[in-house]
Protein backbone atom coordinates (compact mmCIF):
# COMPACT_ATOMS: atom_id res chain seq x y z
CA MET A 1 -63.57 -10.52 -35.42
CA VAL A 2 -59.94 -10.51 -34.65
CA GLY A 3 -58.03 -7.67 -36.29
CA LYS A 4 -54.57 -7.89 -37.66
CA GLY A 5 -51.92 -7.68 -34.98
CA THR A 6 -54.43 -8.50 -32.15
CA LEU A 7 -55.19 -11.54 -30.00
CA GLY A 8 -58.93 -11.26 -29.49
CA ARG A 9 -59.80 -10.03 -26.00
CA GLY A 10 -56.12 -9.75 -25.15
CA GLY A 11 -55.87 -6.63 -27.27
CA PRO A 12 -52.85 -5.60 -29.32
CA ARG A 13 -49.54 -7.31 -28.63
CA PRO A 14 -46.23 -5.67 -29.54
CA ALA A 15 -44.54 -7.33 -32.42
CA GLY A 16 -41.61 -9.47 -31.35
CA GLY A 17 -42.81 -9.84 -27.73
CA GLY A 18 -42.07 -13.55 -27.72
CA ALA A 19 -38.59 -12.86 -29.02
CA GLN A 20 -37.97 -10.37 -26.20
CA VAL A 21 -39.04 -12.93 -23.60
CA SER A 22 -36.78 -15.51 -25.20
CA GLU A 23 -33.85 -13.10 -25.30
CA GLY A 24 -34.35 -12.24 -21.61
CA PHE A 25 -34.38 -15.92 -20.70
CA VAL A 26 -31.26 -16.54 -22.76
CA ASP A 27 -29.48 -13.60 -21.10
CA ARG A 28 -30.37 -14.83 -17.61
CA PHE A 29 -29.31 -18.35 -18.51
CA ALA A 30 -26.01 -17.12 -19.93
CA GLU A 31 -25.33 -15.00 -16.84
CA GLY A 32 -26.13 -17.91 -14.54
CA ALA A 33 -23.90 -20.23 -16.57
CA ARG A 34 -21.07 -17.72 -16.46
CA THR A 35 -21.43 -17.31 -12.68
CA ALA A 36 -21.49 -21.08 -12.19
CA LEU A 37 -18.38 -21.48 -14.34
CA VAL A 38 -16.53 -18.71 -12.46
CA ASN A 39 -17.45 -20.22 -9.09
CA PHE A 40 -16.36 -23.65 -10.31
CA VAL A 41 -12.95 -22.34 -11.41
CA ARG A 42 -12.50 -20.51 -8.11
CA SER A 43 -13.46 -23.62 -6.16
CA VAL A 44 -10.85 -25.64 -8.04
CA ILE A 45 -8.28 -22.96 -7.21
CA GLN A 46 -9.14 -23.24 -3.50
CA ILE A 47 -8.69 -27.00 -3.56
CA VAL A 48 -5.38 -26.74 -5.40
CA VAL A 49 -4.10 -24.08 -2.97
CA ALA A 50 -5.15 -26.17 0.03
CA TYR A 51 -3.34 -29.32 -1.07
CA ALA A 52 -0.59 -28.15 -3.42
CA ALA A 53 0.52 -25.11 -1.37
CA ASN A 54 -0.84 -25.03 2.17
CA LEU A 55 -0.14 -28.60 3.21
CA PRO A 56 3.46 -28.78 1.85
CA LEU A 57 4.29 -25.34 3.26
CA PHE A 58 2.94 -26.26 6.67
CA ILE A 59 5.05 -29.42 6.79
CA LEU A 60 8.15 -27.57 5.52
CA THR A 61 7.72 -24.75 8.06
CA VAL A 62 7.21 -27.06 11.03
CA LEU A 63 10.27 -29.12 10.07
CA SER A 64 12.36 -25.98 9.52
CA ILE A 65 11.45 -24.60 12.95
CA ALA A 66 12.24 -27.97 14.51
CA PHE A 67 15.67 -27.96 12.83
CA ILE A 68 16.62 -24.47 14.06
CA PRO A 69 18.89 -25.90 16.83
CA LEU A 70 20.78 -27.81 14.11
CA GLY A 71 21.39 -24.65 12.07
CA PHE A 72 19.51 -25.80 8.98
CA GLY A 73 16.29 -24.18 10.17
CA VAL A 74 17.93 -20.76 10.60
CA VAL A 75 18.09 -20.49 6.81
CA MET A 76 15.02 -22.51 5.79
CA ALA A 77 12.46 -21.28 8.34
CA PRO A 78 12.46 -17.64 7.07
CA VAL A 79 12.11 -18.90 3.49
CA ALA A 80 9.15 -21.11 4.40
CA ILE A 81 7.47 -18.39 6.48
CA GLN A 82 7.86 -15.84 3.70
CA ALA A 83 6.36 -18.36 1.26
CA ILE A 84 3.36 -18.78 3.57
CA ARG A 85 2.99 -15.00 3.70
CA GLY A 86 2.96 -14.92 -0.09
CA VAL A 87 0.14 -17.49 -0.21
CA ALA A 88 -1.74 -15.63 2.55
CA ASN A 89 -1.42 -12.33 0.72
CA GLN A 90 -2.77 -13.94 -2.45
CA GLN A 91 -5.69 -15.28 -0.42
CA ARG A 92 -6.33 -11.76 0.90
CA ALA A 93 -6.42 -10.47 -2.67
CA TRP A 94 -8.85 -13.21 -3.73
CA ALA A 95 -11.11 -12.53 -0.73
CA ALA A 96 -11.37 -8.86 -1.73
CA GLU A 97 -11.79 -9.55 -5.46
CA TRP A 98 -14.17 -12.51 -5.28
CA SER A 99 -16.24 -11.75 -2.18
CA GLY A 100 -15.63 -8.10 -1.29
CA VAL A 101 -14.01 -9.08 2.03
CA GLU A 102 -11.10 -6.74 2.75
CA ILE A 103 -8.29 -8.27 4.84
CA PRO A 104 -5.56 -5.78 5.85
CA VAL A 105 -1.98 -7.04 6.02
CA PRO A 106 -0.96 -7.33 9.71
CA TYR A 107 2.77 -8.05 9.41
CA ARG A 108 5.31 -5.94 11.25
CA ALA A 109 7.43 -3.77 8.99
CA GLU A 110 10.88 -5.18 8.30
CA PRO A 111 13.57 -3.07 9.97
CA PRO A 112 15.35 -1.06 7.26
CA GLY A 113 19.01 -1.49 6.53
CA GLY A 114 18.95 -5.26 6.07
CA LEU A 115 18.91 -8.11 8.58
CA GLY A 116 21.28 -10.95 9.30
CA ALA A 117 20.09 -14.56 9.33
CA PHE A 118 19.41 -14.72 13.08
CA ALA A 119 17.88 -11.23 13.19
CA ARG A 120 15.55 -12.10 10.31
CA LEU A 121 14.52 -15.34 12.01
CA ARG A 122 13.81 -13.50 15.25
CA TRP A 123 11.84 -10.78 13.40
CA LEU A 124 9.61 -13.40 11.78
CA LEU A 125 9.12 -15.70 14.78
CA THR A 126 8.27 -12.87 17.19
CA ASP A 127 5.54 -11.54 14.90
CA PRO A 128 2.16 -12.91 16.12
CA ALA A 129 0.88 -12.80 12.53
CA THR A 130 3.37 -15.56 11.63
CA TRP A 131 1.71 -18.05 13.97
CA ARG A 132 -1.78 -17.07 12.85
CA ASP A 133 -0.67 -17.66 9.25
CA LEU A 134 0.58 -21.11 10.27
CA LEU A 135 -2.77 -21.89 11.94
CA TRP A 136 -4.65 -20.71 8.85
CA VAL A 137 -2.49 -22.84 6.57
CA ILE A 138 -3.30 -26.09 8.35
CA LEU A 139 -6.99 -25.32 8.93
CA ASN A 140 -7.43 -24.32 5.30
CA VAL A 141 -6.48 -27.82 4.14
CA PRO A 142 -9.83 -29.40 5.12
CA LEU A 143 -11.87 -26.20 4.94
CA GLY A 144 -10.53 -25.26 1.51
CA LEU A 145 -11.51 -28.72 0.28
CA VAL A 146 -15.02 -28.41 1.75
CA ALA A 147 -15.47 -24.93 0.31
CA GLY A 148 -14.22 -26.05 -3.08
CA VAL A 149 -16.52 -29.09 -3.20
CA LEU A 150 -19.58 -27.12 -2.12
CA ALA A 151 -18.88 -24.17 -4.42
CA GLY A 152 -17.98 -26.15 -7.52
CA GLY A 153 -18.86 -29.78 -6.90
CA MET A 154 -22.63 -29.22 -6.98
CA THR A 155 -22.33 -27.47 -10.35
CA LEU A 156 -20.24 -30.30 -11.76
CA TYR A 157 -22.57 -32.97 -10.32
CA GLY A 158 -25.67 -31.23 -11.61
CA LEU A 159 -24.28 -30.82 -15.12
CA GLU A 160 -23.33 -34.49 -15.11
CA GLY A 161 -26.95 -35.41 -14.36
CA VAL A 162 -28.30 -33.19 -17.15
CA PHE A 163 -25.83 -33.79 -19.95
CA VAL A 164 -23.75 -36.90 -19.23
CA ALA A 165 -25.91 -39.52 -17.48
CA PRO A 166 -28.70 -39.69 -20.15
CA TRP A 167 -26.20 -40.18 -22.96
CA LEU A 168 -24.26 -42.80 -21.03
CA THR A 169 -27.55 -44.65 -20.51
CA LEU A 170 -28.13 -44.79 -24.24
CA ILE A 171 -24.56 -45.76 -25.13
CA THR A 172 -23.50 -48.03 -22.25
CA GLU A 173 -25.02 -49.93 -19.39
CA TYR A 174 -23.64 -47.46 -16.84
CA GLY A 175 -25.61 -44.24 -16.64
CA TRP A 176 -24.86 -42.83 -13.23
CA GLY A 177 -27.13 -39.93 -12.32
CA PRO A 178 -26.73 -37.50 -9.40
CA PHE A 179 -27.95 -40.09 -6.88
CA TRP A 180 -28.77 -43.36 -8.67
CA MET A 181 -28.01 -45.63 -11.61
CA VAL A 182 -30.20 -44.28 -14.39
CA ASN A 183 -30.35 -47.65 -16.18
CA ASP A 184 -32.19 -49.23 -13.24
CA TYR A 185 -35.28 -47.02 -13.69
CA GLY A 186 -35.56 -46.60 -17.44
CA VAL A 187 -37.20 -43.40 -18.72
CA LEU A 188 -38.16 -42.30 -15.20
CA GLY A 189 -34.55 -42.62 -14.13
CA ILE A 190 -33.40 -40.45 -17.02
CA ALA A 191 -36.08 -37.83 -16.35
CA GLY A 192 -35.30 -37.80 -12.64
CA ALA A 193 -31.56 -37.41 -13.30
CA VAL A 194 -32.17 -34.47 -15.65
CA VAL A 195 -34.60 -32.73 -13.24
CA LEU A 196 -32.42 -33.26 -10.18
CA GLY A 197 -29.28 -32.29 -12.08
CA ALA A 198 -30.89 -29.09 -13.32
CA ALA A 199 -32.03 -28.28 -9.76
CA LEU A 200 -28.52 -28.83 -8.40
CA THR A 201 -27.08 -26.63 -11.15
CA VAL A 202 -29.53 -23.81 -10.45
CA VAL A 203 -28.97 -23.98 -6.68
CA SER A 204 -25.18 -24.04 -7.12
CA VAL A 205 -25.15 -20.59 -8.74
CA PRO A 206 -26.05 -18.57 -5.60
CA LEU A 207 -24.69 -21.21 -3.24
CA GLY A 208 -21.20 -21.01 -4.79
CA GLY A 209 -20.94 -17.28 -4.03
CA VAL A 210 -22.19 -17.80 -0.47
CA VAL A 211 -19.68 -20.60 0.18
CA LEU A 212 -16.78 -18.60 -1.25
CA LYS A 213 -17.72 -15.61 0.90
CA ALA A 214 -17.95 -17.84 3.98
CA HIS A 215 -14.45 -19.09 3.22
CA ALA A 216 -13.27 -15.48 2.82
CA LEU A 217 -14.75 -14.61 6.23
CA PHE A 218 -12.97 -17.61 7.76
CA THR A 219 -9.74 -16.36 6.18
CA GLN A 220 -10.40 -12.87 7.52
CA SER A 221 -10.84 -14.21 11.06
CA LEU A 222 -7.26 -15.54 11.05
CA LEU A 223 -5.35 -13.36 8.60
CA ALA A 224 -6.67 -9.90 9.57
CA PRO A 225 -4.92 -7.79 12.24
CA THR A 226 -5.93 -8.65 15.78
CA LYS A 227 -7.71 -6.22 18.07
CA GLY A 228 -4.51 -5.78 20.05
CA ALA A 229 -2.54 -4.92 16.92
CA LEU A 230 -5.16 -2.38 15.87
CA THR A 231 -5.16 -0.87 19.36
CA GLU A 232 -1.37 -0.55 19.28
CA ARG A 233 -1.53 1.07 15.86
CA VAL A 234 -4.15 3.57 17.05
CA ARG A 235 -1.95 4.36 20.05
CA ARG A 236 1.09 5.01 17.85
CA LEU A 237 -0.92 7.17 15.48
CA SER A 238 -2.34 9.15 18.43
CA GLU A 239 1.15 9.75 19.76
CA SER A 240 2.47 10.79 16.36
CA ARG A 241 -0.52 13.12 15.88
CA SER A 242 0.13 14.75 19.25
CA GLU A 243 3.82 15.15 18.44
CA THR A 244 2.95 16.58 15.03
CA VAL A 245 0.60 19.14 16.58
CA ASP A 246 3.34 20.17 19.03
CA ALA A 247 5.88 20.39 16.21
CA SER A 248 3.48 22.49 14.12
CA ALA A 249 2.92 24.87 17.02
CA ALA A 250 6.68 25.20 17.54
CA GLU A 251 7.13 25.82 13.80
CA LEU A 252 4.52 28.60 13.88
CA ARG A 253 6.27 30.22 16.84
CA ARG A 254 9.57 30.04 14.94
CA ILE A 255 8.02 31.69 11.89
CA GLU A 256 6.50 34.46 14.05
CA ARG A 257 9.85 35.02 15.78
CA ASP A 258 11.74 35.15 12.48
CA LEU A 259 9.24 37.60 11.04
CA HIS A 260 9.31 39.78 14.15
CA ASP A 261 13.09 39.83 14.57
CA GLY A 262 13.99 39.87 10.88
CA ALA A 263 11.84 41.11 8.04
CA GLN A 264 9.37 43.02 10.22
CA ALA A 265 12.12 44.99 11.99
CA ARG A 266 13.77 45.82 8.67
CA LEU A 267 10.48 46.97 7.16
CA VAL A 268 9.86 49.25 10.17
CA ALA A 269 13.36 50.74 9.78
CA LEU A 270 12.72 51.08 6.03
CA SER A 271 9.53 53.03 6.69
CA MET A 272 11.32 55.33 9.16
CA ASN A 273 14.19 56.02 6.72
CA ILE A 274 11.75 56.88 3.93
CA GLY A 275 9.89 59.22 6.29
CA LEU A 276 13.11 60.99 7.32
CA ALA A 277 14.16 61.23 3.68
CA GLU A 278 10.89 62.96 2.84
CA GLU A 279 11.48 65.55 5.59
CA MET A 280 15.12 66.15 4.62
CA MET A 281 14.55 66.27 0.86
CA LYS A 282 13.96 70.09 0.83
CA HIS A 283 16.84 71.33 3.00
CA ASP A 284 19.41 68.47 2.78
CA PRO A 285 19.00 66.48 -0.46
CA GLU A 286 22.32 64.63 -0.07
CA ALA A 287 21.38 63.22 3.34
CA ALA A 288 17.97 62.25 1.94
CA GLN A 289 19.67 60.37 -0.89
CA ARG A 290 21.81 58.45 1.63
CA LEU A 291 18.71 57.52 3.60
CA LEU A 292 16.96 56.34 0.42
CA ALA A 293 20.03 54.26 -0.49
CA GLU A 294 19.93 52.66 2.97
CA ALA A 295 16.20 52.04 2.52
CA ARG A 296 16.82 50.34 -0.81
CA ALA A 297 19.46 48.09 0.75
CA SER A 298 17.16 47.28 3.68
CA SER A 299 14.33 46.39 1.29
CA GLY A 300 16.62 43.97 -0.53
CA THR A 301 17.72 42.36 2.73
CA ALA A 302 14.11 42.08 3.92
CA LEU A 303 13.10 40.48 0.62
CA THR A 304 15.94 37.94 0.92
CA GLU A 305 14.90 37.06 4.48
CA LEU A 306 11.27 36.63 3.41
CA ARG A 307 12.36 34.34 0.56
CA ASP A 308 14.48 32.28 2.95
CA LEU A 309 11.53 32.05 5.32
CA VAL A 310 9.23 30.88 2.52
CA ARG A 311 11.78 28.27 1.44
CA GLY A 312 11.84 27.02 5.01
CA ILE A 313 8.08 26.53 4.90
CA HIS A 314 7.71 24.98 1.43
CA PRO A 315 10.44 25.49 -1.18
CA PRO A 316 9.05 26.73 -4.51
CA VAL A 317 11.24 24.23 -6.38
CA LEU A 318 9.50 21.42 -4.48
CA ALA A 319 6.10 22.57 -5.69
CA GLU A 320 7.32 23.14 -9.25
CA ARG A 321 9.64 20.17 -9.86
CA GLY A 322 8.73 17.68 -7.15
CA LEU A 323 10.93 15.78 -4.75
CA ASP A 324 13.39 14.79 -7.48
CA GLY A 325 14.17 18.33 -8.59
CA ALA A 326 14.11 19.77 -5.07
CA VAL A 327 16.65 17.27 -3.71
CA ARG A 328 18.94 17.83 -6.70
CA ALA A 329 18.74 21.60 -6.22
CA LEU A 330 19.50 21.14 -2.53
CA ALA A 331 22.52 18.93 -3.29
CA LEU A 332 23.99 21.62 -5.55
CA THR A 333 24.02 24.13 -2.67
CA LEU A 334 26.09 21.95 -0.33
CA PRO A 335 29.86 22.49 0.11
CA LEU A 336 30.67 18.81 -0.61
CA PRO A 337 29.87 16.55 -3.58
CA VAL A 338 26.60 14.63 -3.20
CA ASP A 339 25.78 11.68 -5.44
CA VAL A 340 22.02 11.74 -6.10
CA ARG A 341 20.18 8.73 -7.50
CA ILE A 342 16.41 9.05 -7.68
CA ASP A 343 13.96 6.69 -9.37
CA LEU A 344 10.39 7.94 -8.89
CA PRO A 345 7.79 7.03 -11.53
CA GLY A 346 5.48 9.79 -10.27
CA ARG A 347 4.83 12.32 -7.52
CA ALA A 348 3.51 11.82 -4.02
CA ASP A 349 0.99 14.07 -2.28
CA ALA A 350 2.32 17.50 -1.35
CA PRO A 351 2.44 16.86 2.45
CA VAL A 352 4.37 13.61 1.90
CA GLU A 353 6.79 15.29 -0.51
CA SER A 354 7.35 18.09 1.99
CA ALA A 355 8.04 15.67 4.84
CA ALA A 356 10.44 13.65 2.67
CA TYR A 357 12.27 16.74 1.43
CA PHE A 358 12.82 18.28 4.86
CA ALA A 359 13.89 14.91 6.27
CA VAL A 360 16.57 14.58 3.59
CA ALA A 361 17.53 18.24 4.01
CA GLU A 362 17.99 17.86 7.79
CA ILE A 363 20.15 14.75 7.36
CA LEU A 364 22.33 16.48 4.77
CA ALA A 365 22.65 19.52 7.06
CA ASN A 366 23.91 17.20 9.80
CA VAL A 367 26.41 15.71 7.34
CA VAL A 368 27.82 19.15 6.59
CA LYS A 369 27.91 20.28 10.23
CA HIS A 370 29.03 17.21 12.15
CA SER A 371 30.31 14.32 10.01
CA GLY A 372 33.56 15.67 8.55
CA ALA A 373 32.67 13.77 5.38
CA ALA A 374 34.31 14.27 2.01
CA ARG A 375 31.33 12.85 0.08
CA ALA A 376 27.67 12.06 0.64
CA TRP A 377 25.00 10.23 -1.32
CA VAL A 378 21.21 10.24 -1.57
CA GLN A 379 19.12 7.41 -2.97
CA ILE A 380 15.34 7.73 -3.31
CA GLU A 381 13.00 5.17 -4.86
CA HIS A 382 9.42 3.94 -4.59
CA ALA A 383 8.49 0.26 -4.26
CA SER A 384 5.66 -1.75 -2.73
CA GLY A 385 3.73 1.36 -1.78
CA ARG A 386 6.59 2.90 0.20
CA LEU A 387 8.93 5.81 -0.48
CA LEU A 388 12.46 4.71 0.48
CA MET A 389 15.10 7.38 1.18
CA ILE A 390 18.71 6.53 2.02
CA VAL A 391 21.22 9.24 2.93
CA GLY A 392 24.82 8.29 3.65
CA ASP A 393 28.27 9.83 4.05
CA ASP A 394 31.89 8.72 4.46
CA GLY A 395 32.44 10.75 7.62
CA THR A 396 33.57 9.81 11.12
CA GLY A 397 30.29 8.14 12.17
CA GLY A 398 28.99 7.95 15.72
CA ALA A 399 25.67 9.67 14.94
CA ASP A 400 23.16 9.23 17.77
CA PRO A 401 19.46 9.61 16.87
CA GLY A 402 18.64 10.49 20.47
CA GLY A 403 21.48 12.91 20.93
CA GLY A 404 19.93 15.99 19.32
CA SER A 405 16.65 17.57 18.39
CA GLY A 406 17.26 17.35 14.64
CA MET A 407 16.81 13.61 14.21
CA ARG A 408 14.03 13.49 16.78
CA GLY A 409 12.28 16.13 14.71
CA ILE A 410 12.70 13.98 11.61
CA GLU A 411 11.19 11.01 13.44
CA ARG A 412 8.20 13.14 14.47
CA ARG A 413 7.78 14.46 10.95
CA LEU A 414 7.89 10.97 9.42
CA GLY A 415 5.80 9.48 12.24
CA ALA A 416 2.91 11.75 11.30
CA PHE A 417 2.67 9.74 8.06
CA ASP A 418 3.34 6.37 9.72
CA GLY A 419 6.92 6.51 8.47
CA THR A 420 10.09 5.11 10.02
CA MET A 421 13.76 6.05 10.33
CA ALA A 422 16.79 3.86 11.11
CA VAL A 423 20.36 5.05 11.64
CA THR A 424 23.50 2.97 11.19
CA SER A 425 26.57 4.93 12.25
CA PRO A 426 29.49 2.98 13.74
CA LEU A 427 32.51 4.90 14.97
CA GLY A 428 34.74 5.58 12.00
CA GLY A 429 31.79 5.59 9.63
CA PRO A 430 30.12 5.36 7.30
CA THR A 431 26.77 6.75 8.42
CA VAL A 432 23.64 5.52 6.67
CA VAL A 433 20.18 6.87 7.48
CA THR A 434 17.26 4.90 6.02
CA MET A 435 13.81 6.48 5.99
CA GLU A 436 10.51 5.06 4.72
CA LEU A 437 7.14 6.68 4.09
CA PRO A 438 4.05 4.74 3.00
CA CYS A 439 2.52 6.58 0.06
CA ALA A 440 1.17 6.27 -3.46
CA LEU A 441 2.50 8.09 -6.50
CA SER A 442 0.30 9.88 -8.98
CA SER A 443 1.42 12.03 -11.91
CA PRO A 444 4.37 10.86 -14.03
CA LYS A 445 7.87 12.13 -13.44
CA THR A 446 9.52 14.66 -15.73
CA LEU A 447 13.11 14.52 -14.51
CA PRO A 448 16.04 12.13 -15.04
CA SER A 449 16.73 9.39 -12.54
CA SER A 450 20.33 9.90 -11.50
CA GLY A 451 23.08 12.42 -11.30
CA THR A 452 25.63 14.08 -9.06
CA GLY A 453 25.12 17.27 -7.16
């Protein structure tokens, strides 16, 4: 006898088991349909990019380079090359987002301070990444089409066999299935179209992801930095690390020397004066009071020297108020007016802030000592993942980055973070020093964006 809620020898069955199986099937079907739709949209995007962007840009770039001797190409070639870089960067972003294939940007950094037309053309044409972009653009025309058809075409063709061909057979005389005219085979033709269309649709779900990843790997092979570029970057980073270690050792020796010759000597003299005052307190109180007064003055001087030393290592205002507040406080201490304009939506890491602050401080110190300027200005902003610092003055000019240890020290300090520095200082002025540091900002700013120190 079969009891309630049982299935004979099968034993009890949870209520709603069939519904759970149905729900699981529906969920898997919905996920597969969503994946197929996403792959189809992405495949259409690849086809559109290949023919609406890559092919026209390739033709425009080749013609612009050919017209360089006529002058027209001097203006148009940089525009076309930058447009190709924009498309390539978007393709890098899609490769990472769609397929998990990371493609670093290999382009050489643009020299700060602005470039003229011929200098910009030379900067772009001498970058090996430009020519690899051009090769990718033309090869992506056929390969983007193939990838798009394989990733999305099978889905579209399969759905046509399942949902479109049978209805067309009933309505018209033209029911085209995935591989044959459905009308020619009657019911068998319709059944075959539905089965084959469903199979194509199911296969297209994983195949679309595989094809898109293969296209991303092809893109990576041309748009990623070359081995030579990576080797050169490692060499530069090794040199900057070695220079940073040497600079750190020199800084430690300076701190030890300042402590030994300054605060330490004063503290030793302070201890001796207090000891003498203790001995003289009984028989010569007036002399003891003079020694204690000298000790108090020495303690104040030693404290001032220690504070100056600490500020030279990491100014407290930098830790408390960030680069914005520290630079403004520095500008207020200078004997000439300094226009400060800072637009930072957040704060960088402490080592980056310290390097930026001391770089600006060293440049401003040079302005005061050597430029004969009546005014100076500081502009700091963050854009495209880089901290840009510009320090200028209206002095006599003629600053030479290789002529002293100060600017070389700044280059070493910035180089440790893969930063750059460029100096424009013609005789008669003005002098403009442009510094860049790659960095990200974190916490929001709390200070205003402009002012005059």
